[in-house]
C-alpha atoms as a PDB file:
ATOM      1  CA  UNK A   1     -68.333 -40.358 -33.512  1.00  0.00           C
ATOM      2  CA  UNK A   2     -68.591 -40.365 -29.871  1.00  0.00           C
ATOM      3  CA  UNK A   3     -65.686 -38.292 -29.484  1.00  0.00           C
ATOM      4  CA  UNK A   4     -66.874 -35.821 -32.219  1.00  0.00           C
ATOM      5  CA  UNK A   5     -70.433 -35.646 -30.178  1.00  0.00           C
ATOM      6  CA  UNK A   6     -68.159 -34.721 -27.064  1.00  0.00           C
ATOM      7  CA  UNK A   7     -66.407 -32.070 -28.652  1.00  0.00           C
ATOM      8  CA  UNK A   8     -69.906 -30.473 -29.930  1.00  0.00           C
ATOM      9  CA  UNK A   9     -71.277 -30.617 -26.551  1.00  0.00           C
ATOM     10  CA  UNK A  10     -68.609 -28.858 -25.018  1.00  0.00           C
ATOM     11  CA  UNK A  11     -68.540 -26.176 -27.851  1.00  0.00           C
ATOM     12  CA  UNK A  12     -72.336 -25.901 -27.269  1.00  0.00           C
ATOM     13  CA  UNK A  13     -71.422 -25.442 -23.412  1.00  0.00           C
ATOM     14  CA  UNK A  14     -68.664 -22.841 -23.947  1.00  0.00           C
ATOM     15  CA  UNK A  15     -71.697 -20.682 -25.518  1.00  0.00           C
ATOM     16  CA  UNK A  16     -74.120 -21.549 -23.025  1.00  0.00           C
ATOM     17  CA  UNK A  17     -71.820 -20.978 -19.713  1.00  0.00           C
ATOM     18  CA  UNK A  18     -70.458 -17.416 -21.355  1.00  0.00           C
ATOM     19  CA  UNK A  19     -74.172 -16.477 -21.757  1.00  0.00           C
ATOM     20  CA  UNK A  20     -75.253 -17.682 -17.815  1.00  0.00           C
ATOM     21  CA  UNK A  21     -73.393 -14.904 -16.306  1.00  0.00           C
ATOM     22  CA  UNK A  22     -75.773 -12.478 -17.601  1.00  0.00           C
ATOM     23  CA  UNK A  23     -79.259 -13.976 -17.860  1.00  0.00           C
ATOM     24  CA  UNK A  24     -81.003 -10.592 -18.109  1.00  0.00           C
ATOM     25  CA  UNK A  25     -79.330 -10.196 -21.598  1.00  0.00           C
ATOM     26  CA  UNK A  26     -80.705 -13.323 -22.917  1.00  0.00           C
ATOM     27  CA  UNK A  27     -82.978 -12.928 -25.809  1.00  0.00           C
ATOM     28  CA  UNK A  28     -86.491 -15.055 -24.769  1.00  0.00           C
ATOM     29  CA  UNK A  29     -89.024 -16.181 -27.320  1.00  0.00           C
ATOM     30  CA  UNK A  30     -92.141 -17.868 -26.543  1.00  0.00           C
ATOM     31  CA  UNK A  31     -92.748 -20.908 -28.972  1.00  0.00           C
ATOM     32  CA  UNK A  32     -96.123 -21.832 -27.425  1.00  0.00           C
ATOM     33  CA  UNK A  33     -97.518 -21.829 -23.565  1.00  0.00           C
ATOM     34  CA  UNK A  34     -94.388 -22.262 -21.217  1.00  0.00           C
ATOM     35  CA  UNK A  35     -92.340 -23.396 -23.782  1.00  0.00           C
ATOM     36  CA  UNK A  36     -89.744 -21.152 -24.619  1.00  0.00           C
ATOM     37  CA  UNK A  37     -86.481 -20.736 -26.663  1.00  0.00           C
ATOM     38  CA  UNK A  38     -83.388 -18.373 -26.379  1.00  0.00           C
ATOM     39  CA  UNK A  39     -80.739 -16.817 -28.597  1.00  0.00           C
ATOM     40  CA  UNK A  40     -78.429 -18.899 -26.721  1.00  0.00           C
ATOM     41  CA  UNK A  41     -80.175 -22.379 -27.671  1.00  0.00           C
ATOM     42  CA  UNK A  42     -79.850 -21.277 -30.940  1.00  0.00           C
ATOM     43  CA  UNK A  43     -76.580 -20.335 -30.875  1.00  0.00           C
ATOM     44  CA  UNK A  44     -75.453 -23.452 -28.891  1.00  0.00           C
ATOM     45  CA  UNK A  45     -77.198 -25.737 -31.692  1.00  0.00           C
ATOM     46  CA  UNK A  46     -75.551 -24.108 -34.383  1.00  0.00           C
ATOM     47  CA  UNK A  47     -71.983 -24.776 -32.748  1.00  0.00           C
ATOM     48  CA  UNK A  48     -73.210 -28.253 -32.119  1.00  0.00           C
ATOM     49  CA  UNK A  49     -74.275 -28.954 -35.863  1.00  0.00           C
ATOM     50  CA  UNK A  50     -71.397 -27.138 -37.248  1.00  0.00           C
ATOM     51  CA  UNK A  51     -69.074 -29.758 -35.227  1.00  0.00           C
ATOM     52  CA  UNK A  52     -71.036 -32.493 -36.204  1.00  0.00           C
ATOM     53  CA  UNK A  53     -71.316 -32.098 -40.093  1.00  0.00           C
ATOM     54  CA  UNK A  54     -67.871 -30.734 -40.416  1.00  0.00           C
ATOM     55  CA  UNK A  55     -66.712 -34.470 -39.373  1.00  0.00           C
ATOM     56  CA  UNK A  56     -69.213 -36.029 -41.118  1.00  0.00           C
ATOM     57  CA  UNK A  57     -71.037 -33.828 -43.647  1.00  0.00           C
ATOM     58  CA  UNK A  58     -73.245 -36.674 -44.987  1.00  0.00           C
ATOM     59  CA  UNK A  59     -75.095 -37.198 -41.913  1.00  0.00           C
ATOM     60  CA  UNK A  60     -78.637 -36.240 -41.159  1.00  0.00           C
ATOM     61  CA  UNK A  61     -79.626 -33.644 -38.241  1.00  0.00           C
ATOM     62  CA  UNK A  62     -82.725 -33.785 -35.923  1.00  0.00           C
ATOM     63  CA  UNK A  63     -82.228 -30.644 -33.795  1.00  0.00           C
ATOM     64  CA  UNK A  64     -84.723 -28.881 -31.381  1.00  0.00           C
ATOM     65  CA  UNK A  65     -84.766 -25.579 -32.960  1.00  0.00           C
ATOM     66  CA  UNK A  66     -83.891 -25.820 -36.589  1.00  0.00           C
ATOM     67  CA  UNK A  67     -85.846 -29.013 -37.316  1.00  0.00           C
ATOM     68  CA  UNK A  68     -84.719 -31.890 -39.650  1.00  0.00           C
ATOM     69  CA  UNK A  69     -82.380 -31.413 -42.270  1.00  0.00           C
ATOM     70  CA  UNK A  70     -83.224 -32.293 -46.078  1.00  0.00           C
ATOM     71  CA  UNK A  71     -81.570 -35.585 -45.913  1.00  0.00           C
ATOM     72  CA  UNK A  72     -83.543 -37.003 -42.463  1.00  0.00           C
ATOM     73  CA  UNK A  73     -85.609 -39.917 -44.043  1.00  0.00           C
ATOM     74  CA  UNK A  74     -86.548 -43.614 -42.963  1.00  0.00           C
ATOM     75  CA  UNK A  75     -83.684 -44.446 -45.039  1.00  0.00           C
ATOM     76  CA  UNK A  76     -81.189 -42.081 -43.245  1.00  0.00           C
ATOM     77  CA  UNK A  77     -78.130 -44.550 -42.116  1.00  0.00           C
ATOM     78  CA  UNK A  78     -77.001 -41.769 -39.732  1.00  0.00           C
ATOM     79  CA  UNK A  79     -79.188 -39.228 -37.897  1.00  0.00           C
ATOM     80  CA  UNK A  80     -77.668 -37.018 -35.035  1.00  0.00           C
ATOM     81  CA  UNK A  81     -80.713 -36.042 -32.273  1.00  0.00           C
ATOM     82  CA  UNK A  82     -79.771 -32.802 -30.823  1.00  0.00           C
ATOM     83  CA  UNK A  83     -80.986 -30.789 -27.765  1.00  0.00           C
ATOM     84  CA  UNK A  84     -78.878 -27.841 -27.519  1.00  0.00           C
ATOM     85  CA  UNK A  85     -80.274 -26.953 -23.985  1.00  0.00           C
ATOM     86  CA  UNK A  86     -82.799 -29.520 -22.083  1.00  0.00           C
ATOM     87  CA  UNK A  87     -83.952 -27.001 -19.580  1.00  0.00           C
ATOM     88  CA  UNK A  88     -84.207 -24.032 -21.139  1.00  0.00           C
ATOM     89  CA  UNK A  89     -86.467 -22.372 -18.487  1.00  0.00           C
ATOM     90  CA  UNK A  90     -84.139 -23.259 -15.668  1.00  0.00           C
ATOM     91  CA  UNK A  91     -81.093 -21.802 -17.881  1.00  0.00           C
ATOM     92  CA  UNK A  92     -83.232 -18.653 -18.456  1.00  0.00           C
ATOM     93  CA  UNK A  93     -84.055 -18.135 -14.979  1.00  0.00           C
ATOM     94  CA  UNK A  94     -80.451 -19.041 -13.673  1.00  0.00           C
ATOM     95  CA  UNK A  95     -81.431 -22.165 -12.053  1.00  0.00           C
ATOM     96  CA  UNK A  96     -78.638 -24.422 -12.463  1.00  0.00           C
ATOM     97  CA  UNK A  97     -80.191 -27.660 -13.815  1.00  0.00           C
ATOM     98  CA  UNK A  98     -79.796 -28.179 -17.552  1.00  0.00           C
ATOM     99  CA  UNK A  99     -77.864 -29.825 -19.955  1.00  0.00           C
ATOM    100  CA  UNK A 100     -76.777 -30.418 -23.841  1.00  0.00           C
ATOM    101  CA  UNK A 101     -77.763 -33.506 -25.248  1.00  0.00           C
ATOM    102  CA  UNK A 102     -76.630 -35.188 -28.407  1.00  0.00           C
ATOM    103  CA  UNK A 103     -77.539 -38.805 -29.692  1.00  0.00           C
ATOM    104  CA  UNK A 104     -76.672 -40.506 -33.010  1.00  0.00           C
ATOM    105  CA  UNK A 105     -79.171 -43.193 -34.337  1.00  0.00           C
ATOM    106  CA  UNK A 106     -78.377 -45.567 -36.975  1.00  0.00           C
ATOM    107  CA  UNK A 107     -81.058 -46.776 -39.314  1.00  0.00           C
ATOM    108  CA  UNK A 108     -83.390 -45.816 -36.194  1.00  0.00           C
ATOM    109  CA  UNK A 109     -81.318 -47.257 -33.338  1.00  0.00           C
ATOM    110  CA  UNK A 110     -79.602 -44.961 -30.584  1.00  0.00           C
ATOM    111  CA  UNK A 111     -75.891 -46.297 -30.704  1.00  0.00           C
ATOM    112  CA  UNK A 112     -74.193 -42.913 -29.265  1.00  0.00           C
ATOM    113  CA  UNK A 113     -74.874 -40.567 -26.233  1.00  0.00           C
ATOM    114  CA  UNK A 114     -73.481 -37.528 -25.027  1.00  0.00           C
ATOM    115  CA  UNK A 115     -75.062 -35.275 -22.207  1.00  0.00           C
ATOM    116  CA  UNK A 116     -73.112 -32.937 -20.789  1.00  0.00           C
ATOM    117  CA  UNK A 117     -73.843 -30.821 -17.490  1.00  0.00           C
ATOM    118  CA  UNK A 118     -71.799 -27.500 -17.871  1.00  0.00           C
ATOM    119  CA  UNK A 119     -72.822 -26.580 -14.211  1.00  0.00           C
ATOM    120  CA  UNK A 120     -71.385 -29.414 -12.825  1.00  0.00           C
ATOM    121  CA  UNK A 121     -68.747 -29.996 -15.294  1.00  0.00           C
ATOM    122  CA  UNK A 122     -70.458 -33.551 -15.616  1.00  0.00           C
ATOM    123  CA  UNK A 123     -69.974 -35.325 -18.388  1.00  0.00           C
ATOM    124  CA  UNK A 124     -72.113 -38.597 -19.541  1.00  0.00           C
ATOM    125  CA  UNK A 125     -71.105 -40.764 -22.223  1.00  0.00           C
ATOM    126  CA  UNK A 126     -72.620 -44.224 -23.795  1.00  0.00           C
ATOM    127  CA  UNK A 127     -71.768 -46.271 -26.590  1.00  0.00           C
ATOM    128  CA  UNK A 128     -74.413 -49.180 -27.701  1.00  0.00           C
ATOM    129  CA  UNK A 129     -72.940 -52.422 -26.218  1.00  0.00           C
ATOM    130  CA  UNK A 130     -70.160 -50.592 -24.546  1.00  0.00           C
ATOM    131  CA  UNK A 131     -71.916 -49.583 -20.970  1.00  0.00           C
ATOM    132  CA  UNK A 132     -72.426 -46.022 -19.952  1.00  0.00           C
ATOM    133  CA  UNK A 133     -70.196 -43.942 -18.244  1.00  0.00           C
ATOM    134  CA  UNK A 134     -70.014 -40.664 -16.310  1.00  0.00           C
ATOM    135  CA  UNK A 135     -66.554 -38.675 -16.209  1.00  0.00           C
ATOM    136  CA  UNK A 136     -65.051 -41.740 -17.250  1.00  0.00           C
ATOM    137  CA  UNK A 137     -66.299 -43.966 -14.514  1.00  0.00           C
ATOM    138  CA  UNK A 138     -68.538 -46.785 -15.626  1.00  0.00           C
ATOM    139  CA  UNK A 139     -72.104 -46.331 -14.143  1.00  0.00           C
ATOM    140  CA  UNK A 140     -75.074 -48.612 -13.285  1.00  0.00           C
ATOM    141  CA  UNK A 141     -78.833 -48.215 -11.871  1.00  0.00           C
ATOM    142  CA  UNK A 142     -79.502 -48.620  -8.845  1.00  0.00           C
ATOM    143  CA  UNK A 143     -80.534 -52.098  -7.194  1.00  0.00           C
ATOM    144  CA  UNK A 144     -83.733 -51.228  -5.074  1.00  0.00           C
ATOM    145  CA  UNK A 145     -86.733 -53.820  -5.996  1.00  0.00           C
ATOM    146  CA  UNK A 146     -89.135 -52.156  -4.086  1.00  0.00           C
ATOM    147  CA  UNK A 147     -91.004 -49.075  -5.277  1.00  0.00           C
ATOM    148  CA  UNK A 148     -91.607 -48.457  -1.838  1.00  0.00           C
ATOM    149  CA  UNK A 149     -87.783 -47.939  -1.374  1.00  0.00           C
ATOM    150  CA  UNK A 150     -87.224 -45.300  -4.495  1.00  0.00           C
ATOM    151  CA  UNK A 151     -86.912 -41.714  -5.261  1.00  0.00           C
ATOM    152  CA  UNK A 152     -88.171 -41.133  -8.706  1.00  0.00           C
ATOM    153  CA  UNK A 153     -88.533 -38.302 -10.982  1.00  0.00           C
ATOM    154  CA  UNK A 154     -90.907 -36.539 -13.476  1.00  0.00           C
ATOM    155  CA  UNK A 155     -91.890 -33.829 -15.347  1.00  0.00           C
ATOM    156  CA  UNK A 156     -94.662 -32.516 -17.476  1.00  0.00           C
ATOM    157  CA  UNK A 157     -95.396 -30.945 -20.995  1.00  0.00           C
ATOM    158  CA  UNK A 158     -96.902 -27.485 -21.102  1.00  0.00           C
ATOM    159  CA  UNK A 159    -100.486 -26.926 -20.905  1.00  0.00           C
ATOM    160  CA  UNK A 160    -103.283 -27.071 -18.288  1.00  0.00           C
ATOM    161  CA  UNK A 161    -104.240 -30.562 -19.583  1.00  0.00           C
ATOM    162  CA  UNK A 162    -100.721 -32.300 -19.081  1.00  0.00           C
ATOM    163  CA  UNK A 163    -100.534 -30.461 -15.696  1.00  0.00           C
ATOM    164  CA  UNK A 164    -103.953 -32.048 -14.785  1.00  0.00           C
ATOM    165  CA  UNK A 165    -102.815 -35.569 -15.950  1.00  0.00           C
ATOM    166  CA  UNK A 166     -99.450 -35.077 -14.363  1.00  0.00           C
ATOM    167  CA  UNK A 167    -100.993 -34.087 -10.791  1.00  0.00           C
ATOM    168  CA  UNK A 168    -102.746 -37.477 -10.881  1.00  0.00           C
ATOM    169  CA  UNK A 169    -100.300 -39.543 -11.947  1.00  0.00           C
ATOM    170  CA  UNK A 170     -98.122 -37.721  -8.920  1.00  0.00           C
ATOM    171  CA  UNK A 171    -100.693 -38.894  -6.842  1.00  0.00           C
ATOM    172  CA  UNK A 172    -100.869 -42.278  -7.674  1.00  0.00           C
ATOM    173  CA  UNK A 173     -97.022 -42.788  -7.662  1.00  0.00           C
ATOM    174  CA  UNK A 174     -96.094 -40.237  -4.701  1.00  0.00           C
ATOM    175  CA  UNK A 175     -98.187 -42.591  -2.446  1.00  0.00           C
ATOM    176  CA  UNK A 176     -96.043 -45.765  -3.378  1.00  0.00           C
ATOM    177  CA  UNK A 177     -92.541 -44.541  -3.431  1.00  0.00           C
ATOM    178  CA  UNK A 178     -90.468 -42.450  -0.963  1.00  0.00           C
ATOM    179  CA  UNK A 179     -90.540 -39.197  -2.824  1.00  0.00           C
ATOM    180  CA  UNK A 180     -90.784 -37.662  -6.539  1.00  0.00           C
ATOM    181  CA  UNK A 181     -89.023 -34.710  -7.695  1.00  0.00           C
ATOM    182  CA  UNK A 182     -89.347 -32.367 -10.705  1.00  0.00           C
ATOM    183  CA  UNK A 183     -86.107 -30.453 -11.647  1.00  0.00           C
ATOM    184  CA  UNK A 184     -86.994 -29.563 -15.299  1.00  0.00           C
ATOM    185  CA  UNK A 185     -84.768 -31.169 -17.744  1.00  0.00           C
ATOM    186  CA  UNK A 186     -85.474 -34.773 -18.569  1.00  0.00           C
ATOM    187  CA  UNK A 187     -82.283 -35.427 -20.253  1.00  0.00           C
ATOM    188  CA  UNK A 188     -80.573 -34.939 -17.063  1.00  0.00           C
ATOM    189  CA  UNK A 189     -83.202 -37.148 -15.203  1.00  0.00           C
ATOM    190  CA  UNK A 190     -82.566 -39.768 -17.286  1.00  0.00           C
ATOM    191  CA  UNK A 191     -78.974 -39.260 -16.680  1.00  0.00           C
ATOM    192  CA  UNK A 192     -79.364 -39.482 -13.164  1.00  0.00           C
ATOM    193  CA  UNK A 193     -81.204 -42.825 -13.320  1.00  0.00           C
ATOM    194  CA  UNK A 194     -78.054 -44.253 -15.335  1.00  0.00           C
ATOM    195  CA  UNK A 195     -76.151 -42.932 -12.683  1.00  0.00           C
ATOM    196  CA  UNK A 196     -78.014 -44.445  -9.650  1.00  0.00           C
ATOM    197  CA  UNK A 197     -78.529 -41.082  -8.312  1.00  0.00           C
ATOM    198  CA  UNK A 198     -82.395 -41.533  -8.456  1.00  0.00           C
ATOM    199  CA  UNK A 199     -84.321 -44.879  -9.107  1.00  0.00           C
ATOM    200  CA  UNK A 200     -86.701 -43.945 -12.049  1.00  0.00           C
ATOM    201  CA  UNK A 201     -88.135 -41.675 -14.358  1.00  0.00           C
ATOM    202  CA  UNK A 202     -91.591 -40.978 -16.072  1.00  0.00           C
ATOM    203  CA  UNK A 203     -93.121 -38.348 -18.246  1.00  0.00           C
ATOM    204  CA  UNK A 204     -95.610 -37.849 -21.028  1.00  0.00           C
ATOM    205  CA  UNK A 205     -95.581 -35.714 -23.857  1.00  0.00           C
ATOM    206  CA  UNK A 206     -91.724 -35.356 -24.791  1.00  0.00           C
ATOM    207  CA  UNK A 207     -89.830 -35.148 -27.678  1.00  0.00           C
ATOM    208  CA  UNK A 208     -86.947 -37.428 -29.422  1.00  0.00           C
ATOM    209  CA  UNK A 209     -84.286 -34.823 -28.772  1.00  0.00           C
ATOM    210  CA  UNK A 210     -85.365 -34.742 -24.703  1.00  0.00           C
ATOM    211  CA  UNK A 211     -84.958 -38.723 -24.516  1.00  0.00           C
ATOM    212  CA  UNK A 212     -82.743 -39.938 -27.125  1.00  0.00           C
ATOM    213  CA  UNK A 213     -79.448 -39.480 -25.279  1.00  0.00           C
ATOM    214  CA  UNK A 214     -80.595 -40.515 -21.753  1.00  0.00           C
ATOM    215  CA  UNK A 215     -82.528 -43.480 -23.184  1.00  0.00           C
ATOM    216  CA  UNK A 216     -79.437 -45.381 -24.154  1.00  0.00           C
ATOM    217  CA  UNK A 217     -77.515 -43.987 -20.774  1.00  0.00           C
ATOM    218  CA  UNK A 218     -80.005 -45.936 -18.815  1.00  0.00           C
ATOM    219  CA  UNK A 219     -79.897 -49.127 -20.793  1.00  0.00           C
ATOM    220  CA  UNK A 220     -76.319 -49.364 -21.009  1.00  0.00           C
ATOM    221  CA  UNK A 221     -76.156 -48.682 -17.021  1.00  0.00           C
ATOM    222  CA  UNK A 222     -78.616 -51.895 -16.930  1.00  0.00           C
ATOM    223  CA  UNK A 223     -82.194 -50.166 -16.981  1.00  0.00           C
ATOM    224  CA  UNK A 224     -85.031 -50.641 -18.759  1.00  0.00           C
ATOM    225  CA  UNK A 225     -86.944 -47.647 -20.789  1.00  0.00           C
ATOM    226  CA  UNK A 226     -90.177 -48.477 -22.408  1.00  0.00           C
ATOM    227  CA  UNK A 227     -93.576 -46.607 -22.701  1.00  0.00           C
ATOM    228  CA  UNK A 228     -96.456 -46.232 -20.055  1.00  0.00           C
ATOM    229  CA  UNK A 229     -97.537 -50.076 -21.361  1.00  0.00           C
ATOM    230  CA  UNK A 230     -94.123 -51.474 -21.610  1.00  0.00           C
ATOM    231  CA  UNK A 231     -93.737 -51.429 -25.194  1.00  0.00           C
ATOM    232  CA  UNK A 232     -90.518 -49.951 -26.804  1.00  0.00           C
ATOM    233  CA  UNK A 233     -91.707 -47.060 -29.210  1.00  0.00           C
ATOM    234  CA  UNK A 234     -90.987 -44.489 -26.622  1.00  0.00           C
ATOM    235  CA  UNK A 235     -88.798 -42.566 -28.935  1.00  0.00           C
ATOM    236  CA  UNK A 236     -91.337 -41.921 -31.407  1.00  0.00           C
ATOM    237  CA  UNK A 237     -94.702 -41.244 -28.964  1.00  0.00           C
ATOM    238  CA  UNK A 238     -92.655 -39.573 -26.428  1.00  0.00           C
ATOM    239  CA  UNK A 239     -94.066 -41.213 -23.427  1.00  0.00           C
ATOM    240  CA  UNK A 240     -91.215 -42.805 -20.918  1.00  0.00           C
ATOM    241  CA  UNK A 241     -90.110 -44.949 -18.489  1.00  0.00           C
ATOM    242  CA  UNK A 242     -87.135 -45.506 -17.358  1.00  0.00           C
ATOM    243  CA  UNK A 243     -85.788 -47.448 -14.379  1.00  0.00           C
ATOM    244  CA  UNK A 244     -83.781 -50.535 -12.860  1.00  0.00           C
ATOM    245  CA  UNK A 245     -85.705 -53.589 -14.149  1.00  0.00           C
ATOM    246  CA  UNK A 246     -87.707 -54.717 -11.026  1.00  0.00           C
ATOM    247  CA  UNK A 247     -88.450 -51.225 -10.381  1.00  0.00           C
ATOM    248  CA  UNK A 248     -89.611 -50.536 -14.340  1.00  0.00           C
ATOM    249  CA  UNK A 249     -92.089 -53.348 -14.082  1.00  0.00           C
ATOM    250  CA  UNK A 250     -93.868 -51.829 -10.870  1.00  0.00           C
ATOM    251  CA  UNK A 251     -93.849 -48.580 -12.560  1.00  0.00           C
ATOM    252  CA  UNK A 252     -95.599 -49.956 -15.466  1.00  0.00           C
ATOM    253  CA  UNK A 253     -98.173 -51.417 -13.334  1.00  0.00           C
ATOM    254  CA  UNK A 254     -98.897 -48.110 -11.710  1.00  0.00           C
ATOM    255  CA  UNK A 255     -98.714 -45.849 -14.770  1.00  0.00           C
ATOM    256  CA  UNK A 256    -100.197 -48.224 -17.421  1.00  0.00           C
ATOM    257  CA  UNK A 257    -104.029 -46.637 -17.052  1.00  0.00           C
ATOM    258  CA  UNK A 258    -102.267 -43.651 -18.087  1.00  0.00           C
ATOM    259  CA  UNK A 259    -101.009 -44.929 -21.615  1.00  0.00           C
END
């Protein structure tokens, strides 16, 4: 199943990279304020779904652009969770920070994860209980144990209310760590935490397809993922903190008032 997901991600990346050479020709639709979809998102998603369903025709689908398949319900044993381009705004501006994110949930538990960064040719993979990898090399979260020594990442949903809350959180967090970065792709931010390239990530208002694959990468790399209050229903509620174990606890202490 992991190999099939890798194949699907690479097929989508071929579609994406072909379009990236001429972003001015991309057709863009605004789904809501500052939330966009391009024809490339849709073509990449179709390439992923075709690849997955050719191998597993009975599996359910939850995808950002096409939504849920008719057979997706609480009883679904296998469901693929797909974001064809996480970081669409970056992509349509030619800003090189976006990825393909594919996860497989088995009875609601994420068991396989693939995040592919076509710009850097970085392939992140994880299988539940088997560790997390970047280009076939085992990865681990950082060993920092003090928030003051950390580089954290974040982002915010579209809309003025989300921005206002993000700025309040930023003020609280930025005073207590070395720096906070926001690069526009939650999936890649989670992959960076797993790879030890950053120490933690937090964001509110995300969707399952933004975080399903990345959350498994982090936990398989030795980190902890949870809600702002430390609970574990982040995949459905969309509010997430991911970090190494000691930093996670300190982040929850800071961000619990925003839960």
